[in-house]
Amino acid sequence: MERLQKVIAEAGVASRRKAEELILEGRVQVNGKEVKELGVKVGGSDIVTVDGKQITREEKEYYLLYKPRGVVSTSHDERYRKTVVDLIETNARIYPVGRLDYDTTGLLLLTNDGKFSQMLTHPKNEIDKVYIAKIRGIIDGKAIHALEDGVEIDGIKTAKAKVKLRKKDLQTNTSIVEITIHEGKNHQVKKMFESVGYEVLKLKRERVGFLTLENLQSGEYRKLSPKEVKKLYDLATLKKTK
């Protein structure tokens, strides 16, 4: 069951706020009965009409994309750059769950399910996001411990992270570092490394929860199965109750 104004908004009839106005004005009916109060919830079998026209509800769609470099994580771009939505063939009004920077590659989820998106992005649900960063310099133990304990970025301390040095190259003076976080602040991973004195040269997200980029090449995508969607919800619920 979902709130009536949300159903109207997700059908593309109006914004959530405008949908509330339509309800209060008596322009919405549910199963032929006029509704003039907020808070009413409807299910999948209920018939909703606005100004006498039945709305069509979109089927929920869920995609896993291997985001390439040079693509923006948004539905529309004012500068007419290619977006992650442009890479997926669908008529549904999907949008990215969270974002990856323009020059960051890796696993990105897209959907038209607002509840699913909120569940994955809310820090309290602690869904792991695993990144591989190539940084300038040979990272030391002190910096690793600082990242694990949480560092201050934009005046806020990050949550604890898991950090593992995968490789170091003395000739090129670079390190490959795996870092696991469950937050999603703007440019978070880059800022975390900068806070301990290291510049991120390349960044890739390899995993979200149990989902990986297995069998996908850059720019390719696949649909999530109903089982995978349910498993993500179950994972969030499990984390929340711990």
C-alpha atoms as a PDB file:
ATOM      1  CA  MET A   1       0.000   0.000   0.000  1.00  0.00           C
ATOM      2  CA  GLU A   2       1.237   3.485  -0.885  1.00  0.00           C
ATOM      3  CA  ARG A   3      -0.001   6.980  -0.178  1.00  0.00           C
ATOM      4  CA  LEU A   4      -2.372   8.254  -2.825  1.00  0.00           C
ATOM      5  CA  GLN A   5      -0.367  11.409  -3.591  1.00  0.00           C
ATOM      6  CA  LYS A   6       2.754   9.317  -4.134  1.00  0.00           C
ATOM      7  CA  VAL A   7       0.953   7.034  -6.592  1.00  0.00           C
ATOM      8  CA  ILE A   8      -0.303  10.052  -8.532  1.00  0.00           C
ATOM      9  CA  ALA A   9       3.165  11.620  -8.611  1.00  0.00           C
ATOM     10  CA  GLU A  10       4.887   8.410  -9.713  1.00  0.00           C
ATOM     11  CA  ALA A  11       2.368   8.084 -12.555  1.00  0.00           C
ATOM     12  CA  GLY A  12       3.692  11.400 -13.879  1.00  0.00           C
ATOM     13  CA  VAL A  13       0.387  13.258 -13.440  1.00  0.00           C
ATOM     14  CA  ALA A  14       1.767  15.910 -11.106  1.00  0.00           C
ATOM     15  CA  SER A  15       4.404  16.556  -8.480  1.00  0.00           C
ATOM     16  CA  ARG A  16       3.795  15.149  -4.988  1.00  0.00           C
ATOM     17  CA  ARG A  17       2.827  18.583  -3.710  1.00  0.00           C
ATOM     18  CA  LYS A  18       0.497  19.264  -6.632  1.00  0.00           C
ATOM     19  CA  ALA A  19      -1.044  15.809  -6.167  1.00  0.00           C
ATOM     20  CA  GLU A  20      -1.903  16.754  -2.595  1.00  0.00           C
ATOM     21  CA  GLU A  21      -3.645  19.880  -3.887  1.00  0.00           C
ATOM     22  CA  LEU A  22      -5.631  17.803  -6.395  1.00  0.00           C
ATOM     23  CA  ILE A  23      -6.808  15.536  -3.580  1.00  0.00           C
ATOM     24  CA  LEU A  24      -7.858  18.413  -1.337  1.00  0.00           C
ATOM     25  CA  GLU A  25      -9.731  19.999  -4.266  1.00  0.00           C
ATOM     26  CA  GLY A  26     -11.804  16.823  -4.691  1.00  0.00           C
ATOM     27  CA  ARG A  27     -10.421  16.045  -8.152  1.00  0.00           C
ATOM     28  CA  VAL A  28      -9.259  12.521  -7.268  1.00  0.00           C
ATOM     29  CA  GLN A  29     -11.335   9.359  -7.004  1.00  0.00           C
ATOM     30  CA  VAL A  30     -10.406   5.893  -5.741  1.00  0.00           C
ATOM     31  CA  ASN A  31     -12.626   3.068  -7.010  1.00  0.00           C
ATOM     32  CA  GLY A  32     -15.221   5.641  -8.038  1.00  0.00           C
ATOM     33  CA  LYS A  33     -15.331   7.366  -4.645  1.00  0.00           C
ATOM     34  CA  GLU A  34     -14.138  10.941  -4.235  1.00  0.00           C
ATOM     35  CA  VAL A  35     -11.216  11.409  -1.851  1.00  0.00           C
ATOM     36  CA  LYS A  36     -10.654  14.824  -0.270  1.00  0.00           C
ATOM     37  CA  GLU A  37      -8.249  14.038   2.561  1.00  0.00           C
ATOM     38  CA  LEU A  38      -4.544  13.265   2.684  1.00  0.00           C
ATOM     39  CA  GLY A  39      -3.155  10.063   4.160  1.00  0.00           C
ATOM     40  CA  VAL A  40      -5.301   7.658   2.145  1.00  0.00           C
ATOM     41  CA  LYS A  41      -3.368   4.596   0.955  1.00  0.00           C
ATOM     42  CA  VAL A  42      -4.088   2.532  -2.149  1.00  0.00           C
ATOM     43  CA  GLY A  43      -2.975  -0.865  -3.398  1.00  0.00           C
ATOM     44  CA  GLY A  44      -2.186  -2.267  -6.801  1.00  0.00           C
ATOM     45  CA  SER A  45      -5.784  -3.318  -7.500  1.00  0.00           C
ATOM     46  CA  ASP A  46      -7.323   0.075  -6.671  1.00  0.00           C
ATOM     47  CA  ILE A  47      -8.475   2.259  -9.579  1.00  0.00           C
ATOM     48  CA  VAL A  48      -7.346   5.874  -9.245  1.00  0.00           C
ATOM     49  CA  THR A  49      -8.728   8.637 -11.445  1.00  0.00           C
ATOM     50  CA  VAL A  50      -7.762  12.313 -11.632  1.00  0.00           C
ATOM     51  CA  ASP A  51     -10.284  14.654 -13.229  1.00  0.00           C
ATOM     52  CA  GLY A  52     -12.133  11.607 -14.492  1.00  0.00           C
ATOM     53  CA  LYS A  53      -9.087  10.032 -16.189  1.00  0.00           C
ATOM     54  CA  GLN A  54      -7.679   6.768 -14.877  1.00  0.00           C
ATOM     55  CA  ILE A  55      -3.985   6.934 -14.159  1.00  0.00           C
ATOM     56  CA  THR A  56      -1.603   4.271 -15.401  1.00  0.00           C
ATOM     57  CA  ARG A  57       0.910   2.998 -12.908  1.00  0.00           C
ATOM     58  CA  GLU A  58       4.370   2.058 -14.079  1.00  0.00           C
ATOM     59  CA  GLU A  59       5.685  -1.380 -13.339  1.00  0.00           C
ATOM     60  CA  LYS A  60       8.674  -1.155 -11.014  1.00  0.00           C
ATOM     61  CA  GLU A  61      11.965  -1.662 -12.844  1.00  0.00           C
ATOM     62  CA  TYR A  62      15.435  -2.212 -11.415  1.00  0.00           C
ATOM     63  CA  TYR A  63      18.708  -2.082 -13.351  1.00  0.00           C
ATOM     64  CA  LEU A  64      22.368  -2.673 -12.564  1.00  0.00           C
ATOM     65  CA  LEU A  65      24.652  -0.605 -14.801  1.00  0.00           C
ATOM     66  CA  TYR A  66      28.414  -0.733 -15.239  1.00  0.00           C
ATOM     67  CA  LYS A  67      28.829   3.037 -15.471  1.00  0.00           C
ATOM     68  CA  PRO A  68      31.588   4.169 -17.812  1.00  0.00           C
ATOM     69  CA  ARG A  69      33.765   7.238 -17.305  1.00  0.00           C
ATOM     70  CA  GLY A  70      32.437  10.452 -18.836  1.00  0.00           C
ATOM     71  CA  VAL A  71      28.736   9.861 -18.171  1.00  0.00           C
ATOM     72  CA  VAL A  72      26.718  11.854 -15.626  1.00  0.00           C
ATOM     73  CA  SER A  73      24.631  10.193 -12.931  1.00  0.00           C
ATOM     74  CA  THR A  74      21.352  11.995 -13.528  1.00  0.00           C
ATOM     75  CA  SER A  75      18.185  11.692 -15.595  1.00  0.00           C
ATOM     76  CA  HIS A  76      18.634  15.008 -17.410  1.00  0.00           C
ATOM     77  CA  ASP A  77      21.694  17.181 -17.933  1.00  0.00           C
ATOM     78  CA  GLU A  78      21.463  20.896 -18.677  1.00  0.00           C
ATOM     79  CA  ARG A  79      24.783  20.732 -20.529  1.00  0.00           C
ATOM     80  CA  TYR A  80      23.455  17.953 -22.795  1.00  0.00           C
ATOM     81  CA  ARG A  81      26.082  15.439 -21.700  1.00  0.00           C
ATOM     82  CA  LYS A  82      25.298  11.736 -21.919  1.00  0.00           C
ATOM     83  CA  THR A  83      23.495  10.475 -18.812  1.00  0.00           C
ATOM     84  CA  VAL A  84      23.308   7.029 -17.236  1.00  0.00           C
ATOM     85  CA  VAL A  85      19.622   6.892 -18.195  1.00  0.00           C
ATOM     86  CA  ASP A  86      20.603   7.291 -21.874  1.00  0.00           C
ATOM     87  CA  LEU A  87      22.452   3.964 -21.647  1.00  0.00           C
ATOM     88  CA  ILE A  88      19.361   1.931 -20.721  1.00  0.00           C
ATOM     89  CA  GLU A  89      16.569   1.012 -23.123  1.00  0.00           C
ATOM     90  CA  THR A  90      13.274   1.455 -21.288  1.00  0.00           C
ATOM     91  CA  ASN A  91      10.140   3.587 -21.440  1.00  0.00           C
ATOM     92  CA  ALA A  92       9.969   3.770 -17.655  1.00  0.00           C
ATOM     93  CA  ARG A  93      10.964   7.018 -15.931  1.00  0.00           C
ATOM     94  CA  ILE A  94      13.992   5.587 -14.158  1.00  0.00           C
ATOM     95  CA  TYR A  95      16.658   7.516 -12.283  1.00  0.00           C
ATOM     96  CA  PRO A  96      19.956   6.617 -10.603  1.00  0.00           C
ATOM     97  CA  VAL A  97      20.069   5.439  -7.004  1.00  0.00           C
ATOM     98  CA  GLY A  98      22.611   7.826  -5.551  1.00  0.00           C
ATOM     99  CA  ARG A  99      25.361   8.916  -7.928  1.00  0.00           C
ATOM    100  CA  LEU A 100      28.846   8.286  -9.184  1.00  0.00           C
ATOM    101  CA  ASP A 101      31.043  11.199 -10.254  1.00  0.00           C
ATOM    102  CA  TYR A 102      31.521  12.014 -13.939  1.00  0.00           C
ATOM    103  CA  ASP A 103      34.970  10.383 -13.954  1.00  0.00           C
ATOM    104  CA  THR A 104      34.088   7.507 -11.595  1.00  0.00           C
ATOM    105  CA  THR A 105      33.229   4.106 -13.035  1.00  0.00           C
ATOM    106  CA  GLY A 106      31.492   1.025 -11.709  1.00  0.00           C
ATOM    107  CA  LEU A 107      28.280  -0.313 -10.276  1.00  0.00           C
ATOM    108  CA  LEU A 108      25.259   1.977 -10.323  1.00  0.00           C
ATOM    109  CA  LEU A 109      21.629   1.018  -9.732  1.00  0.00           C
ATOM    110  CA  LEU A 110      18.700   2.698 -11.490  1.00  0.00           C
ATOM    111  CA  THR A 111      14.994   2.359 -10.772  1.00  0.00           C
ATOM    112  CA  ASN A 112      11.587   4.030 -10.782  1.00  0.00           C
ATOM    113  CA  ASP A 113      10.875   2.739  -7.272  1.00  0.00           C
ATOM    114  CA  GLY A 114      11.254   5.573  -4.769  1.00  0.00           C
ATOM    115  CA  LYS A 115      11.020   3.338  -1.710  1.00  0.00           C
ATOM    116  CA  PHE A 116      13.778   1.085  -3.048  1.00  0.00           C
ATOM    117  CA  SER A 117      16.008   4.079  -3.797  1.00  0.00           C
ATOM    118  CA  GLN A 118      15.534   5.573  -0.346  1.00  0.00           C
ATOM    119  CA  MET A 119      16.201   2.237   1.303  1.00  0.00           C
ATOM    120  CA  LEU A 120      19.535   1.835  -0.478  1.00  0.00           C
ATOM    121  CA  THR A 121      20.773   5.370   0.072  1.00  0.00           C
ATOM    122  CA  HIS A 122      19.817   5.903   3.715  1.00  0.00           C
ATOM    123  CA  PRO A 123      22.930   5.498   5.927  1.00  0.00           C
ATOM    124  CA  LYS A 124      20.969   3.817   8.746  1.00  0.00           C
ATOM    125  CA  ASN A 125      20.460   0.758   6.545  1.00  0.00           C
ATOM    126  CA  GLU A 126      24.247   0.315   6.235  1.00  0.00           C
ATOM    127  CA  ILE A 127      24.330  -1.172   2.753  1.00  0.00           C
ATOM    128  CA  ASP A 128      28.008  -1.728   1.956  1.00  0.00           C
ATOM    129  CA  LYS A 129      29.475   0.066  -1.040  1.00  0.00           C
ATOM    130  CA  VAL A 130      32.915  -1.169  -2.071  1.00  0.00           C
ATOM    131  CA  TYR A 131      35.265   1.084  -4.049  1.00  0.00           C
ATOM    132  CA  ILE A 132      38.683   0.540  -5.565  1.00  0.00           C
ATOM    133  CA  ALA A 133      40.789   3.711  -5.577  1.00  0.00           C
ATOM    134  CA  LYS A 134      44.086   4.329  -7.318  1.00  0.00           C
ATOM    135  CA  ILE A 135      45.798   7.050  -5.332  1.00  0.00           C
ATOM    136  CA  ARG A 136      48.969   9.084  -5.743  1.00  0.00           C
ATOM    137  CA  GLY A 137      51.523   8.029  -3.135  1.00  0.00           C
ATOM    138  CA  ILE A 138      52.168   4.975  -0.992  1.00  0.00           C
ATOM    139  CA  ILE A 139      49.520   4.970   1.692  1.00  0.00           C
ATOM    140  CA  ASP A 140      50.745   4.315   5.224  1.00  0.00           C
ATOM    141  CA  GLY A 141      49.200   2.578   8.189  1.00  0.00           C
ATOM    142  CA  LYS A 142      48.377   5.824   9.971  1.00  0.00           C
ATOM    143  CA  ALA A 143      46.243   7.012   7.047  1.00  0.00           C
ATOM    144  CA  ILE A 144      44.504   3.633   6.782  1.00  0.00           C
ATOM    145  CA  HIS A 145      43.599   3.659  10.485  1.00  0.00           C
ATOM    146  CA  ALA A 146      42.300   7.228  10.211  1.00  0.00           C
ATOM    147  CA  LEU A 147      40.036   6.269   7.310  1.00  0.00           C
ATOM    148  CA  GLU A 148      38.787   3.231   9.221  1.00  0.00           C
ATOM    149  CA  ASP A 149      37.944   5.304  12.294  1.00  0.00           C
ATOM    150  CA  GLY A 150      36.233   8.050  10.278  1.00  0.00           C
ATOM    151  CA  VAL A 151      37.591  11.367   9.040  1.00  0.00           C
ATOM    152  CA  GLU A 152      36.102  14.845   8.909  1.00  0.00           C
ATOM    153  CA  ILE A 153      34.882  16.066   5.527  1.00  0.00           C
ATOM    154  CA  ASP A 154      32.795  19.199   5.042  1.00  0.00           C
ATOM    155  CA  GLY A 155      32.621  19.580   8.803  1.00  0.00           C
ATOM    156  CA  ILE A 156      31.106  16.143   9.402  1.00  0.00           C
ATOM    157  CA  LYS A 157      32.877  12.986  10.538  1.00  0.00           C
ATOM    158  CA  THR A 158      32.332   9.971   8.315  1.00  0.00           C
ATOM    159  CA  ALA A 159      31.234   6.621   9.707  1.00  0.00           C
ATOM    160  CA  LYS A 160      33.748   3.860  10.236  1.00  0.00           C
ATOM    161  CA  ALA A 161      35.059   2.274   7.043  1.00  0.00           C
ATOM    162  CA  LYS A 162      36.898  -0.874   6.038  1.00  0.00           C
ATOM    163  CA  VAL A 163      40.189  -0.218   4.244  1.00  0.00           C
ATOM    164  CA  LYS A 164      42.591  -2.657   2.632  1.00  0.00           C
ATOM    165  CA  LEU A 165      45.771  -1.994   0.654  1.00  0.00           C
ATOM    166  CA  ARG A 166      45.583  -4.133  -2.469  1.00  0.00           C
ATOM    167  CA  LYS A 167      48.779  -3.093  -4.185  1.00  0.00           C
ATOM    168  CA  LYS A 168      51.564  -0.537  -4.036  1.00  0.00           C
ATOM    169  CA  ASP A 169      53.874   0.486  -6.869  1.00  0.00           C
ATOM    170  CA  LEU A 170      57.063   2.206  -5.789  1.00  0.00           C
ATOM    171  CA  GLN A 171      58.084   2.976  -9.380  1.00  0.00           C
ATOM    172  CA  THR A 172      54.914   4.927 -10.180  1.00  0.00           C
ATOM    173  CA  ASN A 173      54.414   6.053  -6.565  1.00  0.00           C
ATOM    174  CA  THR A 174      50.816   4.868  -6.512  1.00  0.00           C
ATOM    175  CA  SER A 175      48.647   2.616  -4.340  1.00  0.00           C
ATOM    176  CA  ILE A 176      45.522   0.586  -5.077  1.00  0.00           C
ATOM    177  CA  VAL A 177      43.214   0.698  -2.071  1.00  0.00           C
ATOM    178  CA  GLU A 178      39.884  -1.023  -1.392  1.00  0.00           C
ATOM    179  CA  ILE A 179      37.525   0.979   0.804  1.00  0.00           C
ATOM    180  CA  THR A 180      34.075  -0.060   2.028  1.00  0.00           C
ATOM    181  CA  ILE A 181      31.586   2.567   3.205  1.00  0.00           C
ATOM    182  CA  HIS A 182      27.807   2.659   3.663  1.00  0.00           C
ATOM    183  CA  GLU A 183      27.249   6.393   3.330  1.00  0.00           C
ATOM    184  CA  GLY A 184      26.908   8.370   0.112  1.00  0.00           C
ATOM    185  CA  LYS A 185      28.004  11.958   0.668  1.00  0.00           C
ATOM    186  CA  ASN A 186      28.986  14.060  -2.332  1.00  0.00           C
ATOM    187  CA  HIS A 187      32.484  13.069  -3.562  1.00  0.00           C
ATOM    188  CA  GLN A 188      32.867  11.174  -0.289  1.00  0.00           C
ATOM    189  CA  VAL A 189      35.606   8.690  -1.157  1.00  0.00           C
ATOM    190  CA  LYS A 190      37.760  11.304  -2.893  1.00  0.00           C
ATOM    191  CA  LYS A 191      37.366  13.711   0.022  1.00  0.00           C
ATOM    192  CA  MET A 192      38.182  10.977   2.536  1.00  0.00           C
ATOM    193  CA  PHE A 193      41.491  10.255   0.851  1.00  0.00           C
ATOM    194  CA  GLU A 194      42.227  13.965   0.454  1.00  0.00           C
ATOM    195  CA  SER A 195      41.669  14.432   4.195  1.00  0.00           C
ATOM    196  CA  VAL A 196      44.590  12.080   4.905  1.00  0.00           C
ATOM    197  CA  GLY A 197      46.822  13.578   2.218  1.00  0.00           C
ATOM    198  CA  TYR A 198      46.248  11.424  -0.877  1.00  0.00           C
ATOM    199  CA  GLU A 199      44.864  12.326  -4.303  1.00  0.00           C
ATOM    200  CA  VAL A 200      42.515   9.871  -5.997  1.00  0.00           C
ATOM    201  CA  LEU A 201      43.598   9.272  -9.598  1.00  0.00           C
ATOM    202  CA  LYS A 202      40.965   6.673 -10.518  1.00  0.00           C
ATOM    203  CA  LEU A 203      37.888   5.413  -8.713  1.00  0.00           C
ATOM    204  CA  LYS A 204      35.619   2.452  -9.369  1.00  0.00           C
ATOM    205  CA  ARG A 205      32.688   1.078  -7.397  1.00  0.00           C
ATOM    206  CA  GLU A 206      32.889  -2.712  -7.470  1.00  0.00           C
ATOM    207  CA  ARG A 207      30.055  -3.789  -5.206  1.00  0.00           C
ATOM    208  CA  VAL A 208      26.797  -2.649  -3.587  1.00  0.00           C
ATOM    209  CA  GLY A 209      25.600  -5.075  -0.926  1.00  0.00           C
ATOM    210  CA  PHE A 210      25.963  -8.494  -2.564  1.00  0.00           C
ATOM    211  CA  LEU A 211      25.696  -7.131  -6.133  1.00  0.00           C
ATOM    212  CA  THR A 212      28.809  -7.091  -8.318  1.00  0.00           C
ATOM    213  CA  LEU A 213      29.774  -6.251 -11.898  1.00  0.00           C
ATOM    214  CA  GLU A 214      30.208  -9.918 -12.793  1.00  0.00           C
ATOM    215  CA  ASN A 215      29.750 -10.642 -16.537  1.00  0.00           C
ATOM    216  CA  LEU A 216      29.310  -6.962 -17.406  1.00  0.00           C
ATOM    217  CA  GLN A 217      31.575  -4.735 -19.485  1.00  0.00           C
ATOM    218  CA  SER A 218      31.749  -0.956 -19.173  1.00  0.00           C
ATOM    219  CA  GLY A 219      28.488   0.561 -20.455  1.00  0.00           C
ATOM    220  CA  GLU A 220      26.526  -2.696 -20.175  1.00  0.00           C
ATOM    221  CA  TYR A 221      23.598  -3.311 -17.849  1.00  0.00           C
ATOM    222  CA  ARG A 222      21.139  -5.953 -16.716  1.00  0.00           C
ATOM    223  CA  LYS A 223      17.825  -6.104 -14.884  1.00  0.00           C
ATOM    224  CA  LEU A 224      17.769  -7.131 -11.253  1.00  0.00           C
ATOM    225  CA  SER A 225      15.729 -10.233 -10.568  1.00  0.00           C
ATOM    226  CA  PRO A 226      12.796 -10.119  -8.107  1.00  0.00           C
ATOM    227  CA  LYS A 227      14.885 -12.358  -5.854  1.00  0.00           C
ATOM    228  CA  GLU A 228      17.748  -9.837  -5.847  1.00  0.00           C
ATOM    229  CA  VAL A 229      15.388  -6.941  -5.061  1.00  0.00           C
ATOM    230  CA  LYS A 230      13.875  -8.868  -2.144  1.00  0.00           C
ATOM    231  CA  LYS A 231      17.332  -9.818  -0.894  1.00  0.00           C
ATOM    232  CA  LEU A 232      18.366  -6.148  -0.825  1.00  0.00           C
ATOM    233  CA  TYR A 233      15.260  -5.263   1.214  1.00  0.00           C
ATOM    234  CA  ASP A 234      15.994  -8.171   3.563  1.00  0.00           C
ATOM    235  CA  LEU A 235      19.610  -7.023   3.915  1.00  0.00           C
ATOM    236  CA  ALA A 236      18.534  -3.495   4.847  1.00  0.00           C
ATOM    237  CA  THR A 237      16.045  -4.826   7.392  1.00  0.00           C
ATOM    238  CA  LEU A 238      18.688  -7.091   8.929  1.00  0.00           C
ATOM    239  CA  LYS A 239      21.187  -4.229   9.243  1.00  0.00           C
ATOM    240  CA  LYS A 240      18.540  -1.967  10.793  1.00  0.00           C
ATOM    241  CA  THR A 241      17.670  -4.480  13.539  1.00  0.00           C
ATOM    242  CA  LYS A 242      21.248  -5.105  14.606  1.00  0.00           C
END
